[in-house]
């Protein structure tokens, strides 16, 4: 009888324990993830990014994005990266209800607040904290909800930008094969290189090997005004560098008109004229150079390595004859 009673007690304890564990598992899932509105990149006309109470406003004007009241052209790819995050924002789990945000970098000093607008209507607003330790999620808060959630992906770095970070750094761009003339001046020496494309008539007048079944292709080359050939590899290397030139950053506090007496100037002529002027370093200890371009409205900074690849003595660009 005593053994039977112990079995009954044990059974009751097991039943209670199972009920407790079952209830405990249920309690862990008793929450709902907030609905994140679905937005398309084309729906967004303005993005406001605020960190430390300082907002940066990006506005869509036609098919391009500009920054702030000065309407600096924005980097298209960086804006697209932000739009992609907002359009695919997915919450995966509840992290905290404690309202203790410091550990997630969601306190006022560290959070990044993002607002996406369709004209004047806010379509999405959320706070971005740090990435989770796995770097597969980011801690976020949705506007109107005090809880902290995991959002899929690591994306804080896409929004943690300054105005200069977001500006379009392209300062010169063209197709290499459109350029037919290059003017170079380093203040002491000026030289003009022209692209020479021999005509078929000129080629046929030259002595050739009539026994050869195939004629040699016409050779294109560069020469200066005196008829001296340029080193084609150096010319091609220069044009390649200039055809997709990005600056390091923009020069603040000065306009293009305030930069005078360039130390090196390049004028490229093709379907249109492209001009790049490079000026003395701002100080001797600085490795970078101020510059201006016909393709950009603002003065900018080129790195020392960029300038080194551009600013060659014009005379050194002539073809060197092999010594016999």
C-alpha atoms as a PDB file:
ATOM      1  CA  UNK A   1       0.000   0.000   0.000  1.00  0.00           C
ATOM      2  CA  UNK A   2       2.847   2.292   0.869  1.00  0.00           C
ATOM      3  CA  UNK A   3       4.557   1.582  -2.473  1.00  0.00           C
ATOM      4  CA  UNK A   4       1.331   2.280  -4.352  1.00  0.00           C
ATOM      5  CA  UNK A   5       0.990   5.629  -2.601  1.00  0.00           C
ATOM      6  CA  UNK A   6       4.552   6.565  -3.543  1.00  0.00           C
ATOM      7  CA  UNK A   7       3.836   5.722  -7.178  1.00  0.00           C
ATOM      8  CA  UNK A   8       0.797   7.969  -7.126  1.00  0.00           C
ATOM      9  CA  UNK A   9       2.805  10.844  -5.646  1.00  0.00           C
ATOM     10  CA  UNK A  10       5.583  10.328  -8.190  1.00  0.00           C
ATOM     11  CA  UNK A  11       3.070  10.299 -11.023  1.00  0.00           C
ATOM     12  CA  UNK A  12       1.534  13.562  -9.776  1.00  0.00           C
ATOM     13  CA  UNK A  13       4.992  15.166  -9.553  1.00  0.00           C
ATOM     14  CA  UNK A  14       5.878  14.037 -13.087  1.00  0.00           C
ATOM     15  CA  UNK A  15       2.566  15.331 -14.432  1.00  0.00           C
ATOM     16  CA  UNK A  16       3.088  18.690 -12.724  1.00  0.00           C
ATOM     17  CA  UNK A  17       6.621  18.909 -14.046  1.00  0.00           C
ATOM     18  CA  UNK A  18       5.501  18.137 -17.597  1.00  0.00           C
ATOM     19  CA  UNK A  19       2.773  20.760 -17.323  1.00  0.00           C
ATOM     20  CA  UNK A  20       5.299  23.307 -16.069  1.00  0.00           C
ATOM     21  CA  UNK A  21       7.782  22.589 -18.833  1.00  0.00           C
ATOM     22  CA  UNK A  22       5.045  22.666 -21.431  1.00  0.00           C
ATOM     23  CA  UNK A  23       3.782  26.007 -20.131  1.00  0.00           C
ATOM     24  CA  UNK A  24       7.345  27.366 -19.939  1.00  0.00           C
ATOM     25  CA  UNK A  25       8.037  26.529 -23.601  1.00  0.00           C
ATOM     26  CA  UNK A  26       4.753  28.143 -24.587  1.00  0.00           C
ATOM     27  CA  UNK A  27       5.583  31.283 -22.643  1.00  0.00           C
ATOM     28  CA  UNK A  28       8.795  31.704 -24.643  1.00  0.00           C
ATOM     29  CA  UNK A  29       6.870  32.007 -27.864  1.00  0.00           C
ATOM     30  CA  UNK A  30       4.122  34.253 -26.566  1.00  0.00           C
ATOM     31  CA  UNK A  31       5.134  37.310 -28.540  1.00  0.00           C
ATOM     32  CA  UNK A  32       4.488  38.642 -32.016  1.00  0.00           C
ATOM     33  CA  UNK A  33       7.064  40.255 -34.269  1.00  0.00           C
ATOM     34  CA  UNK A  34       5.837  43.663 -35.434  1.00  0.00           C
ATOM     35  CA  UNK A  35       4.866  43.986 -39.056  1.00  0.00           C
ATOM     36  CA  UNK A  36       7.499  45.809 -41.124  1.00  0.00           C
ATOM     37  CA  UNK A  37       5.891  47.617 -44.055  1.00  0.00           C
ATOM     38  CA  UNK A  38       6.969  46.398 -47.474  1.00  0.00           C
ATOM     39  CA  UNK A  39       8.479  49.222 -49.498  1.00  0.00           C
ATOM     40  CA  UNK A  40       9.915  49.365 -52.980  1.00  0.00           C
ATOM     41  CA  UNK A  41      13.054  51.336 -53.857  1.00  0.00           C
ATOM     42  CA  UNK A  42      11.030  53.332 -56.364  1.00  0.00           C
ATOM     43  CA  UNK A  43       8.556  54.387 -53.630  1.00  0.00           C
ATOM     44  CA  UNK A  44      11.189  56.243 -51.582  1.00  0.00           C
ATOM     45  CA  UNK A  45      11.847  59.888 -52.398  1.00  0.00           C
ATOM     46  CA  UNK A  46      13.705  60.929 -49.238  1.00  0.00           C
ATOM     47  CA  UNK A  47      15.920  59.268 -46.619  1.00  0.00           C
ATOM     48  CA  UNK A  48      16.758  60.865 -43.277  1.00  0.00           C
ATOM     49  CA  UNK A  49      19.665  59.418 -41.282  1.00  0.00           C
ATOM     50  CA  UNK A  50      20.242  60.800 -37.769  1.00  0.00           C
ATOM     51  CA  UNK A  51      23.164  60.086 -35.457  1.00  0.00           C
ATOM     52  CA  UNK A  52      23.990  62.099 -32.326  1.00  0.00           C
ATOM     53  CA  UNK A  53      21.065  64.413 -33.167  1.00  0.00           C
ATOM     54  CA  UNK A  54      22.685  65.346 -36.489  1.00  0.00           C
ATOM     55  CA  UNK A  55      20.501  64.500 -39.504  1.00  0.00           C
ATOM     56  CA  UNK A  56      21.644  63.837 -43.049  1.00  0.00           C
ATOM     57  CA  UNK A  57      18.900  64.163 -45.646  1.00  0.00           C
ATOM     58  CA  UNK A  58      19.072  62.467 -49.034  1.00  0.00           C
ATOM     59  CA  UNK A  59      16.508  63.566 -51.615  1.00  0.00           C
ATOM     60  CA  UNK A  60      15.560  62.026 -54.934  1.00  0.00           C
ATOM     61  CA  UNK A  61      15.411  64.474 -57.812  1.00  0.00           C
ATOM     62  CA  UNK A  62      14.413  62.798 -61.046  1.00  0.00           C
ATOM     63  CA  UNK A  63      16.691  59.774 -61.394  1.00  0.00           C
ATOM     64  CA  UNK A  64      19.458  61.050 -59.102  1.00  0.00           C
ATOM     65  CA  UNK A  65      19.953  61.535 -55.370  1.00  0.00           C
ATOM     66  CA  UNK A  66      21.317  64.658 -53.704  1.00  0.00           C
ATOM     67  CA  UNK A  67      22.527  65.426 -50.179  1.00  0.00           C
ATOM     68  CA  UNK A  68      21.252  68.246 -47.990  1.00  0.00           C
ATOM     69  CA  UNK A  69      20.359  71.810 -48.878  1.00  0.00           C
ATOM     70  CA  UNK A  70      23.523  72.197 -50.982  1.00  0.00           C
ATOM     71  CA  UNK A  71      22.330  69.320 -53.171  1.00  0.00           C
ATOM     72  CA  UNK A  72      25.660  67.538 -53.425  1.00  0.00           C
ATOM     73  CA  UNK A  73      25.395  64.595 -55.848  1.00  0.00           C
ATOM     74  CA  UNK A  74      25.160  61.366 -53.839  1.00  0.00           C
ATOM     75  CA  UNK A  75      26.938  58.086 -54.505  1.00  0.00           C
ATOM     76  CA  UNK A  76      24.301  56.045 -56.353  1.00  0.00           C
ATOM     77  CA  UNK A  77      25.581  52.662 -55.151  1.00  0.00           C
ATOM     78  CA  UNK A  78      25.650  53.698 -51.477  1.00  0.00           C
ATOM     79  CA  UNK A  79      22.089  55.002 -51.699  1.00  0.00           C
ATOM     80  CA  UNK A  80      20.981  51.771 -53.390  1.00  0.00           C
ATOM     81  CA  UNK A  81      22.588  49.734 -50.585  1.00  0.00           C
ATOM     82  CA  UNK A  82      20.496  51.629 -48.025  1.00  0.00           C
ATOM     83  CA  UNK A  83      17.308  51.275 -50.064  1.00  0.00           C
ATOM     84  CA  UNK A  84      17.901  47.533 -50.388  1.00  0.00           C
ATOM     85  CA  UNK A  85      18.215  47.175 -46.599  1.00  0.00           C
ATOM     86  CA  UNK A  86      15.000  49.090 -46.001  1.00  0.00           C
ATOM     87  CA  UNK A  87      13.105  47.204 -48.691  1.00  0.00           C
ATOM     88  CA  UNK A  88      14.185  43.805 -47.325  1.00  0.00           C
ATOM     89  CA  UNK A  89      14.178  44.591 -43.583  1.00  0.00           C
ATOM     90  CA  UNK A  90      13.229  41.335 -41.857  1.00  0.00           C
ATOM     91  CA  UNK A  91      12.839  40.840 -38.100  1.00  0.00           C
ATOM     92  CA  UNK A  92      13.760  37.328 -36.978  1.00  0.00           C
ATOM     93  CA  UNK A  93      13.501  37.285 -33.172  1.00  0.00           C
ATOM     94  CA  UNK A  94      12.705  39.267 -30.046  1.00  0.00           C
ATOM     95  CA  UNK A  95      15.909  40.032 -28.125  1.00  0.00           C
ATOM     96  CA  UNK A  96      14.914  42.208 -25.164  1.00  0.00           C
ATOM     97  CA  UNK A  97      11.971  43.905 -23.470  1.00  0.00           C
ATOM     98  CA  UNK A  98      14.026  45.436 -20.661  1.00  0.00           C
ATOM     99  CA  UNK A  99      14.374  48.927 -22.230  1.00  0.00           C
ATOM    100  CA  UNK A 100      18.111  48.711 -21.515  1.00  0.00           C
ATOM    101  CA  UNK A 101      19.552  49.761 -24.837  1.00  0.00           C
ATOM    102  CA  UNK A 102      23.209  50.494 -24.121  1.00  0.00           C
ATOM    103  CA  UNK A 103      24.425  46.922 -24.640  1.00  0.00           C
ATOM    104  CA  UNK A 104      22.899  46.921 -28.143  1.00  0.00           C
ATOM    105  CA  UNK A 105      24.226  50.390 -29.158  1.00  0.00           C
ATOM    106  CA  UNK A 106      20.621  51.520 -29.323  1.00  0.00           C
ATOM    107  CA  UNK A 107      20.936  54.251 -26.692  1.00  0.00           C
ATOM    108  CA  UNK A 108      20.657  57.879 -27.803  1.00  0.00           C
ATOM    109  CA  UNK A 109      24.431  58.361 -28.119  1.00  0.00           C
ATOM    110  CA  UNK A 110      25.025  55.394 -30.426  1.00  0.00           C
ATOM    111  CA  UNK A 111      21.868  54.534 -32.322  1.00  0.00           C
ATOM    112  CA  UNK A 112      21.292  55.519 -35.940  1.00  0.00           C
ATOM    113  CA  UNK A 113      17.705  56.527 -36.688  1.00  0.00           C
ATOM    114  CA  UNK A 114      16.519  55.963 -40.247  1.00  0.00           C
ATOM    115  CA  UNK A 115      13.363  57.383 -41.805  1.00  0.00           C
ATOM    116  CA  UNK A 116      12.213  56.557 -45.328  1.00  0.00           C
ATOM    117  CA  UNK A 117       9.702  58.914 -46.943  1.00  0.00           C
ATOM    118  CA  UNK A 118       7.367  58.792 -49.898  1.00  0.00           C
ATOM    119  CA  UNK A 119       7.132  62.529 -50.478  1.00  0.00           C
ATOM    120  CA  UNK A 120       6.159  63.824 -46.994  1.00  0.00           C
ATOM    121  CA  UNK A 121       4.794  60.548 -45.655  1.00  0.00           C
ATOM    122  CA  UNK A 122       7.014  58.360 -43.436  1.00  0.00           C
ATOM    123  CA  UNK A 123       6.889  54.834 -44.860  1.00  0.00           C
ATOM    124  CA  UNK A 124       9.394  53.258 -42.456  1.00  0.00           C
ATOM    125  CA  UNK A 125      11.234  54.362 -39.308  1.00  0.00           C
ATOM    126  CA  UNK A 126      13.643  52.305 -37.213  1.00  0.00           C
ATOM    127  CA  UNK A 127      16.765  52.563 -35.038  1.00  0.00           C
ATOM    128  CA  UNK A 128      19.931  50.662 -35.892  1.00  0.00           C
ATOM    129  CA  UNK A 129      22.252  49.335 -33.203  1.00  0.00           C
ATOM    130  CA  UNK A 130      25.359  47.200 -33.501  1.00  0.00           C
ATOM    131  CA  UNK A 131      25.734  43.909 -35.321  1.00  0.00           C
ATOM    132  CA  UNK A 132      25.184  40.725 -33.340  1.00  0.00           C
ATOM    133  CA  UNK A 133      28.268  38.701 -32.424  1.00  0.00           C
ATOM    134  CA  UNK A 134      27.633  36.331 -35.328  1.00  0.00           C
ATOM    135  CA  UNK A 135      27.488  39.301 -37.760  1.00  0.00           C
ATOM    136  CA  UNK A 136      24.441  37.627 -39.292  1.00  0.00           C
ATOM    137  CA  UNK A 137      21.972  39.958 -37.558  1.00  0.00           C
ATOM    138  CA  UNK A 138      21.705  43.582 -36.454  1.00  0.00           C
ATOM    139  CA  UNK A 139      19.960  44.856 -33.319  1.00  0.00           C
ATOM    140  CA  UNK A 140      17.095  47.185 -34.222  1.00  0.00           C
ATOM    141  CA  UNK A 141      14.096  48.996 -32.729  1.00  0.00           C
ATOM    142  CA  UNK A 142      11.005  49.750 -34.768  1.00  0.00           C
ATOM    143  CA  UNK A 143       9.370  53.148 -34.269  1.00  0.00           C
ATOM    144  CA  UNK A 144       6.559  52.943 -31.713  1.00  0.00           C
ATOM    145  CA  UNK A 145       7.894  49.713 -30.190  1.00  0.00           C
ATOM    146  CA  UNK A 146      10.242  49.762 -27.183  1.00  0.00           C
ATOM    147  CA  UNK A 147      11.486  46.195 -27.696  1.00  0.00           C
ATOM    148  CA  UNK A 148      14.797  45.175 -29.296  1.00  0.00           C
ATOM    149  CA  UNK A 149      14.789  42.740 -32.196  1.00  0.00           C
ATOM    150  CA  UNK A 150      17.191  40.866 -34.408  1.00  0.00           C
ATOM    151  CA  UNK A 151      17.020  41.959 -38.057  1.00  0.00           C
ATOM    152  CA  UNK A 152      18.487  39.727 -40.715  1.00  0.00           C
ATOM    153  CA  UNK A 153      21.910  40.785 -42.011  1.00  0.00           C
ATOM    154  CA  UNK A 154      24.724  43.046 -40.811  1.00  0.00           C
ATOM    155  CA  UNK A 155      24.033  46.507 -42.205  1.00  0.00           C
ATOM    156  CA  UNK A 156      24.916  49.254 -39.713  1.00  0.00           C
ATOM    157  CA  UNK A 157      27.977  50.226 -41.788  1.00  0.00           C
ATOM    158  CA  UNK A 158      25.738  51.062 -44.765  1.00  0.00           C
ATOM    159  CA  UNK A 159      24.099  53.870 -42.759  1.00  0.00           C
ATOM    160  CA  UNK A 160      26.986  54.921 -40.512  1.00  0.00           C
ATOM    161  CA  UNK A 161      28.193  57.561 -42.980  1.00  0.00           C
ATOM    162  CA  UNK A 162      29.147  61.235 -43.027  1.00  0.00           C
ATOM    163  CA  UNK A 163      28.092  63.667 -45.743  1.00  0.00           C
ATOM    164  CA  UNK A 164      31.524  63.312 -47.366  1.00  0.00           C
ATOM    165  CA  UNK A 165      31.230  59.510 -47.268  1.00  0.00           C
ATOM    166  CA  UNK A 166      27.954  59.691 -49.175  1.00  0.00           C
ATOM    167  CA  UNK A 167      29.042  62.159 -51.842  1.00  0.00           C
ATOM    168  CA  UNK A 168      29.681  60.928 -55.366  1.00  0.00           C
ATOM    169  CA  UNK A 169      33.498  60.867 -55.624  1.00  0.00           C
ATOM    170  CA  UNK A 170      33.620  60.600 -59.422  1.00  0.00           C
ATOM    171  CA  UNK A 171      35.477  63.653 -60.746  1.00  0.00           C
ATOM    172  CA  UNK A 172      36.366  62.611 -64.295  1.00  0.00           C
ATOM    173  CA  UNK A 173      34.889  59.965 -66.594  1.00  0.00           C
ATOM    174  CA  UNK A 174      35.058  59.346 -70.326  1.00  0.00           C
ATOM    175  CA  UNK A 175      35.553  56.593 -72.923  1.00  0.00           C
ATOM    176  CA  UNK A 176      39.234  56.179 -73.767  1.00  0.00           C
ATOM    177  CA  UNK A 177      38.664  55.618 -77.485  1.00  0.00           C
ATOM    178  CA  UNK A 178      36.959  58.993 -77.867  1.00  0.00           C
ATOM    179  CA  UNK A 179      40.109  60.978 -76.988  1.00  0.00           C
ATOM    180  CA  UNK A 180      42.130  62.225 -79.974  1.00  0.00           C
ATOM    181  CA  UNK A 181      44.314  64.955 -78.474  1.00  0.00           C
ATOM    182  CA  UNK A 182      46.016  65.519 -75.111  1.00  0.00           C
ATOM    183  CA  UNK A 183      47.408  68.877 -73.924  1.00  0.00           C
ATOM    184  CA  UNK A 184      49.809  68.641 -70.978  1.00  0.00           C
ATOM    185  CA  UNK A 185      51.341  71.529 -69.053  1.00  0.00           C
ATOM    186  CA  UNK A 186      53.487  71.354 -65.926  1.00  0.00           C
ATOM    187  CA  UNK A 187      54.106  75.103 -65.688  1.00  0.00           C
ATOM    188  CA  UNK A 188      57.531  74.821 -67.316  1.00  0.00           C
ATOM    189  CA  UNK A 189      56.808  72.699 -70.334  1.00  0.00           C
ATOM    190  CA  UNK A 190      53.801  72.296 -72.594  1.00  0.00           C
ATOM    191  CA  UNK A 191      53.243  69.462 -75.009  1.00  0.00           C
ATOM    192  CA  UNK A 192      50.405  68.321 -77.238  1.00  0.00           C
ATOM    193  CA  UNK A 193      49.970  64.685 -78.234  1.00  0.00           C
ATOM    194  CA  UNK A 194      47.725  63.728 -81.143  1.00  0.00           C
ATOM    195  CA  UNK A 195      46.340  60.324 -82.016  1.00  0.00           C
ATOM    196  CA  UNK A 196      47.470  59.311 -85.505  1.00  0.00           C
ATOM    197  CA  UNK A 197      45.409  56.833 -87.459  1.00  0.00           C
ATOM    198  CA  UNK A 198      47.092  56.042 -90.797  1.00  0.00           C
ATOM    199  CA  UNK A 199      44.719  55.880 -93.738  1.00  0.00           C
ATOM    200  CA  UNK A 200      44.555  52.923 -96.105  1.00  0.00           C
ATOM    201  CA  UNK A 201      45.891  55.121 -98.893  1.00  0.00           C
ATOM    202  CA  UNK A 202      48.945  56.049 -96.830  1.00  0.00           C
ATOM    203  CA  UNK A 203      49.511  52.419 -95.971  1.00  0.00           C
ATOM    204  CA  UNK A 204      49.293  51.240 -99.565  1.00  0.00           C
ATOM    205  CA  UNK A 205      51.899  53.830-100.663  1.00  0.00           C
ATOM    206  CA  UNK A 206      54.457  52.367 -98.272  1.00  0.00           C
ATOM    207  CA  UNK A 207      56.774  49.610 -99.371  1.00  0.00           C
ATOM    208  CA  UNK A 208      55.329  46.263 -98.460  1.00  0.00           C
ATOM    209  CA  UNK A 209      56.049  42.609 -98.931  1.00  0.00           C
ATOM    210  CA  UNK A 210      53.897  41.783-101.953  1.00  0.00           C
ATOM    211  CA  UNK A 211      54.463  38.103-101.364  1.00  0.00           C
ATOM    212  CA  UNK A 212      52.714  38.292 -98.052  1.00  0.00           C
ATOM    213  CA  UNK A 213      49.185  36.883 -98.390  1.00  0.00           C
ATOM    214  CA  UNK A 214      47.848  39.192 -95.685  1.00  0.00           C
ATOM    215  CA  UNK A 215      48.486  42.928 -95.250  1.00  0.00           C
ATOM    216  CA  UNK A 216      49.610  44.126 -91.830  1.00  0.00           C
ATOM    217  CA  UNK A 217      46.963  45.973 -89.767  1.00  0.00           C
ATOM    218  CA  UNK A 218      47.175  49.758 -89.623  1.00  0.00           C
ATOM    219  CA  UNK A 219      49.042  50.833 -86.510  1.00  0.00           C
ATOM    220  CA  UNK A 220      47.599  53.662 -84.409  1.00  0.00           C
ATOM    221  CA  UNK A 221      50.071  55.774 -82.453  1.00  0.00           C
ATOM    222  CA  UNK A 222      50.488  59.065 -80.587  1.00  0.00           C
ATOM    223  CA  UNK A 223      52.907  61.845 -81.555  1.00  0.00           C
ATOM    224  CA  UNK A 224      53.694  65.398 -80.437  1.00  0.00           C
ATOM    225  CA  UNK A 225      53.530  68.550 -82.567  1.00  0.00           C
ATOM    226  CA  UNK A 226      57.141  67.997 -83.736  1.00  0.00           C
ATOM    227  CA  UNK A 227      56.232  64.539 -85.087  1.00  0.00           C
ATOM    228  CA  UNK A 228      58.020  62.596 -82.341  1.00  0.00           C
ATOM    229  CA  UNK A 229      56.257  59.437 -81.275  1.00  0.00           C
ATOM    230  CA  UNK A 230      54.960  59.113 -77.743  1.00  0.00           C
ATOM    231  CA  UNK A 231      55.349  56.062 -75.562  1.00  0.00           C
ATOM    232  CA  UNK A 232      51.976  54.420 -76.204  1.00  0.00           C
ATOM    233  CA  UNK A 233      52.054  52.446 -72.946  1.00  0.00           C
ATOM    234  CA  UNK A 234      52.447  55.658 -70.914  1.00  0.00           C
ATOM    235  CA  UNK A 235      49.681  57.443 -72.836  1.00  0.00           C
ATOM    236  CA  UNK A 236      47.323  54.484 -72.431  1.00  0.00           C
ATOM    237  CA  UNK A 237      48.147  54.197 -68.737  1.00  0.00           C
ATOM    238  CA  UNK A 238      47.403  57.907 -68.239  1.00  0.00           C
ATOM    239  CA  UNK A 239      44.091  57.716 -70.094  1.00  0.00           C
ATOM    240  CA  UNK A 240      43.066  54.606 -68.153  1.00  0.00           C
ATOM    241  CA  UNK A 241      43.723  56.411 -64.854  1.00  0.00           C
ATOM    242  CA  UNK A 242      41.813  59.515 -65.915  1.00  0.00           C
ATOM    243  CA  UNK A 243      38.862  57.750 -67.571  1.00  0.00           C
ATOM    244  CA  UNK A 244      37.405  56.685 -64.209  1.00  0.00           C
ATOM    245  CA  UNK A 245      38.940  59.065 -61.675  1.00  0.00           C
ATOM    246  CA  UNK A 246      37.546  59.290 -58.149  1.00  0.00           C
ATOM    247  CA  UNK A 247      38.751  61.754 -55.539  1.00  0.00           C
ATOM    248  CA  UNK A 248      39.755  60.951 -51.963  1.00  0.00           C
ATOM    249  CA  UNK A 249      37.423  63.597 -50.542  1.00  0.00           C
ATOM    250  CA  UNK A 250      36.168  67.100 -51.230  1.00  0.00           C
ATOM    251  CA  UNK A 251      37.932  70.302 -50.246  1.00  0.00           C
ATOM    252  CA  UNK A 252      35.751  72.176 -47.781  1.00  0.00           C
ATOM    253  CA  UNK A 253      35.575  75.921 -47.430  1.00  0.00           C
ATOM    254  CA  UNK A 254      36.804  76.766 -50.945  1.00  0.00           C
ATOM    255  CA  UNK A 255      35.288  77.169 -54.391  1.00  0.00           C
ATOM    256  CA  UNK A 256      36.852  76.231 -57.720  1.00  0.00           C
ATOM    257  CA  UNK A 257      37.485  79.896 -58.535  1.00  0.00           C
ATOM    258  CA  UNK A 258      39.692  80.283 -55.453  1.00  0.00           C
ATOM    259  CA  UNK A 259      42.261  77.754 -56.679  1.00  0.00           C
ATOM    260  CA  UNK A 260      44.791  79.523 -58.884  1.00  0.00           C
ATOM    261  CA  UNK A 261      48.041  78.691 -60.684  1.00  0.00           C
ATOM    262  CA  UNK A 262      47.901  74.928 -61.167  1.00  0.00           C
ATOM    263  CA  UNK A 263      51.182  73.021 -61.162  1.00  0.00           C
ATOM    264  CA  UNK A 264      49.874  70.521 -63.701  1.00  0.00           C
ATOM    265  CA  UNK A 265      47.063  70.736 -66.237  1.00  0.00           C
ATOM    266  CA  UNK A 266      45.607  68.153 -68.593  1.00  0.00           C
ATOM    267  CA  UNK A 267      43.208  69.013 -71.405  1.00  0.00           C
ATOM    268  CA  UNK A 268      41.740  66.041 -73.250  1.00  0.00           C
ATOM    269  CA  UNK A 269      39.848  66.551 -76.509  1.00  0.00           C
ATOM    270  CA  UNK A 270      37.365  64.104 -77.882  1.00  0.00           C
ATOM    271  CA  UNK A 271      33.616  64.369 -78.391  1.00  0.00           C
ATOM    272  CA  UNK A 272      33.972  67.130 -75.780  1.00  0.00           C
ATOM    273  CA  UNK A 273      36.803  68.681 -73.756  1.00  0.00           C
ATOM    274  CA  UNK A 274      37.806  67.321 -70.359  1.00  0.00           C
ATOM    275  CA  UNK A 275      40.094  69.331 -68.116  1.00  0.00           C
ATOM    276  CA  UNK A 276      41.918  68.420 -64.913  1.00  0.00           C
ATOM    277  CA  UNK A 277      44.041  70.918 -62.948  1.00  0.00           C
ATOM    278  CA  UNK A 278      46.247  69.917 -60.019  1.00  0.00           C
ATOM    279  CA  UNK A 279      47.579  72.448 -57.488  1.00  0.00           C
ATOM    280  CA  UNK A 280      50.358  72.647 -54.922  1.00  0.00           C
ATOM    281  CA  UNK A 281      49.890  70.650 -51.737  1.00  0.00           C
ATOM    282  CA  UNK A 282      48.132  72.571 -48.979  1.00  0.00           C
ATOM    283  CA  UNK A 283      51.220  72.117 -46.792  1.00  0.00           C
ATOM    284  CA  UNK A 284      54.549  70.320 -47.094  1.00  0.00           C
ATOM    285  CA  UNK A 285      53.616  67.562 -44.654  1.00  0.00           C
ATOM    286  CA  UNK A 286      50.438  66.692 -46.558  1.00  0.00           C
ATOM    287  CA  UNK A 287      50.727  63.954 -49.161  1.00  0.00           C
ATOM    288  CA  UNK A 288      47.498  64.948 -50.947  1.00  0.00           C
ATOM    289  CA  UNK A 289      46.849  67.554 -53.648  1.00  0.00           C
ATOM    290  CA  UNK A 290      43.892  69.874 -54.293  1.00  0.00           C
ATOM    291  CA  UNK A 291      42.452  69.662 -57.807  1.00  0.00           C
ATOM    292  CA  UNK A 292      39.524  70.718 -59.970  1.00  0.00           C
ATOM    293  CA  UNK A 293      37.859  69.112 -62.974  1.00  0.00           C
ATOM    294  CA  UNK A 294      35.599  70.306 -65.759  1.00  0.00           C
ATOM    295  CA  UNK A 295      33.307  67.376 -64.876  1.00  0.00           C
ATOM    296  CA  UNK A 296      32.719  68.320 -61.246  1.00  0.00           C
ATOM    297  CA  UNK A 297      31.429  71.525 -59.666  1.00  0.00           C
ATOM    298  CA  UNK A 298      33.534  71.292 -56.495  1.00  0.00           C
ATOM    299  CA  UNK A 299      37.252  71.350 -55.628  1.00  0.00           C
ATOM    300  CA  UNK A 300      38.527  68.026 -54.346  1.00  0.00           C
ATOM    301  CA  UNK A 301      41.542  66.156 -53.011  1.00  0.00           C
ATOM    302  CA  UNK A 302      43.615  63.580 -54.916  1.00  0.00           C
ATOM    303  CA  UNK A 303      45.927  61.243 -53.053  1.00  0.00           C
ATOM    304  CA  UNK A 304      49.684  61.401 -53.509  1.00  0.00           C
ATOM    305  CA  UNK A 305      49.675  58.017 -55.262  1.00  0.00           C
ATOM    306  CA  UNK A 306      47.004  59.179 -57.709  1.00  0.00           C
ATOM    307  CA  UNK A 307      48.939  62.330 -58.552  1.00  0.00           C
ATOM    308  CA  UNK A 308      52.149  60.345 -58.978  1.00  0.00           C
ATOM    309  CA  UNK A 309      50.477  58.219 -61.660  1.00  0.00           C
ATOM    310  CA  UNK A 310      49.119  61.320 -63.433  1.00  0.00           C
ATOM    311  CA  UNK A 311      51.683  64.105 -63.100  1.00  0.00           C
ATOM    312  CA  UNK A 312      54.541  62.899 -65.299  1.00  0.00           C
ATOM    313  CA  UNK A 313      56.971  65.238 -67.090  1.00  0.00           C
ATOM    314  CA  UNK A 314      55.607  65.655 -70.653  1.00  0.00           C
ATOM    315  CA  UNK A 315      59.083  65.055 -72.100  1.00  0.00           C
ATOM    316  CA  UNK A 316      59.254  61.676 -70.355  1.00  0.00           C
ATOM    317  CA  UNK A 317      56.206  60.550 -72.300  1.00  0.00           C
ATOM    318  CA  UNK A 318      58.088  60.486 -75.594  1.00  0.00           C
ATOM    319  CA  UNK A 319      59.193  57.166 -77.010  1.00  0.00           C
ATOM    320  CA  UNK A 320      62.759  56.273 -76.124  1.00  0.00           C
ATOM    321  CA  UNK A 321      64.930  54.913 -78.911  1.00  0.00           C
ATOM    322  CA  UNK A 322      66.913  51.803 -78.080  1.00  0.00           C
ATOM    323  CA  UNK A 323      70.622  52.419 -77.878  1.00  0.00           C
ATOM    324  CA  UNK A 324      72.573  50.281 -80.343  1.00  0.00           C
END
